[in-house]
Amino acid sequence: MMALVWLIDILVIGIKILGGRTQVNPLLRVGLWLSVLCAVAAGVAVLGFGLVLLQHRLEDLA
């Protein structure tokens, strides 16, 4: 349970950094934004791949 609190705390700190409320090195902020954008792009790619697999599976059933 304590690990969940730590993860939420890290998430809040990251959001504060991305939002500009915490003064950090601009390079760190750019790196965090790039990692967020890459994670979103990877999620979209996985979702698209899953939809393609679902389409092939449904075509095989028909």
C-alpha atoms as a PDB file:
ATOM      1  CA  MET A   1       0.000   0.000   0.000  1.00  0.00           C
ATOM      2  CA  MET A   2       2.868   2.344   0.777  1.00  0.00           C
ATOM      3  CA  ALA A   3       4.324   1.699  -2.671  1.00  0.00           C
ATOM      4  CA  LEU A   4       1.109   3.050  -4.197  1.00  0.00           C
ATOM      5  CA  VAL A   5       1.482   6.243  -2.152  1.00  0.00           C
ATOM      6  CA  TRP A   6       5.047   6.628  -3.398  1.00  0.00           C
ATOM      7  CA  LEU A   7       3.965   6.144  -7.008  1.00  0.00           C
ATOM      8  CA  ILE A   8       1.239   8.752  -6.635  1.00  0.00           C
ATOM      9  CA  ASP A   9       3.747  11.124  -5.045  1.00  0.00           C
ATOM     10  CA  ILE A  10       6.166  10.661  -7.951  1.00  0.00           C
ATOM     11  CA  LEU A  11       3.318  11.262 -10.405  1.00  0.00           C
ATOM     12  CA  VAL A  12       2.365  14.502  -8.646  1.00  0.00           C
ATOM     13  CA  ILE A  13       5.980  15.703  -8.678  1.00  0.00           C
ATOM     14  CA  GLY A  14       6.230  14.905 -12.402  1.00  0.00           C
ATOM     15  CA  ILE A  15       3.033  16.815 -13.149  1.00  0.00           C
ATOM     16  CA  LYS A  16       4.315  19.808 -11.189  1.00  0.00           C
ATOM     17  CA  ILE A  17       7.536  19.746 -13.200  1.00  0.00           C
ATOM     18  CA  LEU A  18       5.708  19.433 -16.528  1.00  0.00           C
ATOM     19  CA  GLY A  19       3.309  22.223 -15.580  1.00  0.00           C
ATOM     20  CA  GLY A  20       6.109  24.622 -14.686  1.00  0.00           C
ATOM     21  CA  ARG A  21       5.224  24.969 -10.993  1.00  0.00           C
ATOM     22  CA  THR A  22       8.576  23.506  -9.926  1.00  0.00           C
ATOM     23  CA  GLN A  23      11.782  25.198 -11.084  1.00  0.00           C
ATOM     24  CA  VAL A  24      14.058  22.610 -12.684  1.00  0.00           C
ATOM     25  CA  ASN A  25      16.598  22.502 -15.458  1.00  0.00           C
ATOM     26  CA  PRO A  26      14.791  23.180 -18.769  1.00  0.00           C
ATOM     27  CA  LEU A  27      16.519  20.160 -20.268  1.00  0.00           C
ATOM     28  CA  LEU A  28      14.846  17.938 -17.672  1.00  0.00           C
ATOM     29  CA  ARG A  29      11.442  19.434 -18.482  1.00  0.00           C
ATOM     30  CA  VAL A  30      11.963  18.881 -22.231  1.00  0.00           C
ATOM     31  CA  GLY A  31      13.099  15.316 -21.566  1.00  0.00           C
ATOM     32  CA  LEU A  32      10.009  14.629 -19.470  1.00  0.00           C
ATOM     33  CA  TRP A  33       7.734  16.037 -22.185  1.00  0.00           C
ATOM     34  CA  LEU A  34       9.473  13.868 -24.784  1.00  0.00           C
ATOM     35  CA  SER A  35       9.032  10.785 -22.621  1.00  0.00           C
ATOM     36  CA  VAL A  36       5.325  11.568 -22.125  1.00  0.00           C
ATOM     37  CA  LEU A  37       4.831  12.062 -25.868  1.00  0.00           C
ATOM     38  CA  CYS A  38       6.694   8.833 -26.642  1.00  0.00           C
ATOM     39  CA  ALA A  39       4.561   6.939 -24.139  1.00  0.00           C
ATOM     40  CA  VAL A  40       1.387   8.314 -25.744  1.00  0.00           C
ATOM     41  CA  ALA A  41       2.662   7.395 -29.215  1.00  0.00           C
ATOM     42  CA  ALA A  42       3.516   3.885 -28.029  1.00  0.00           C
ATOM     43  CA  GLY A  43       0.049   3.527 -26.525  1.00  0.00           C
ATOM     44  CA  VAL A  44      -1.578   4.592 -29.788  1.00  0.00           C
ATOM     45  CA  ALA A  45       0.608   2.136 -31.707  1.00  0.00           C
ATOM     46  CA  VAL A  46      -0.310  -0.738 -29.389  1.00  0.00           C
ATOM     47  CA  LEU A  47      -3.998   0.170 -29.636  1.00  0.00           C
ATOM     48  CA  GLY A  48      -3.788   0.244 -33.443  1.00  0.00           C
ATOM     49  CA  PHE A  49      -1.950  -3.070 -33.527  1.00  0.00           C
ATOM     50  CA  GLY A  50      -4.573  -4.600 -31.263  1.00  0.00           C
ATOM     51  CA  LEU A  51      -7.369  -3.351 -33.516  1.00  0.00           C
ATOM     52  CA  VAL A  52      -5.675  -4.831 -36.575  1.00  0.00           C
ATOM     53  CA  LEU A  53      -5.305  -8.182 -34.800  1.00  0.00           C
ATOM     54  CA  LEU A  54      -8.957  -8.033 -33.761  1.00  0.00           C
ATOM     55  CA  GLN A  55     -10.009  -7.326 -37.341  1.00  0.00           C
ATOM     56  CA  HIS A  56      -8.013 -10.293 -38.659  1.00  0.00           C
ATOM     57  CA  ARG A  57      -9.462 -12.543 -35.958  1.00  0.00           C
ATOM     58  CA  LEU A  58     -13.018 -11.462 -36.780  1.00  0.00           C
ATOM     59  CA  GLU A  59     -12.434 -11.948 -40.517  1.00  0.00           C
ATOM     60  CA  ASP A  60     -11.270 -15.517 -39.843  1.00  0.00           C
ATOM     61  CA  LEU A  61     -14.492 -16.233 -37.938  1.00  0.00           C
ATOM     62  CA  ALA A  62     -16.708 -15.034 -40.787  1.00  0.00           C
END
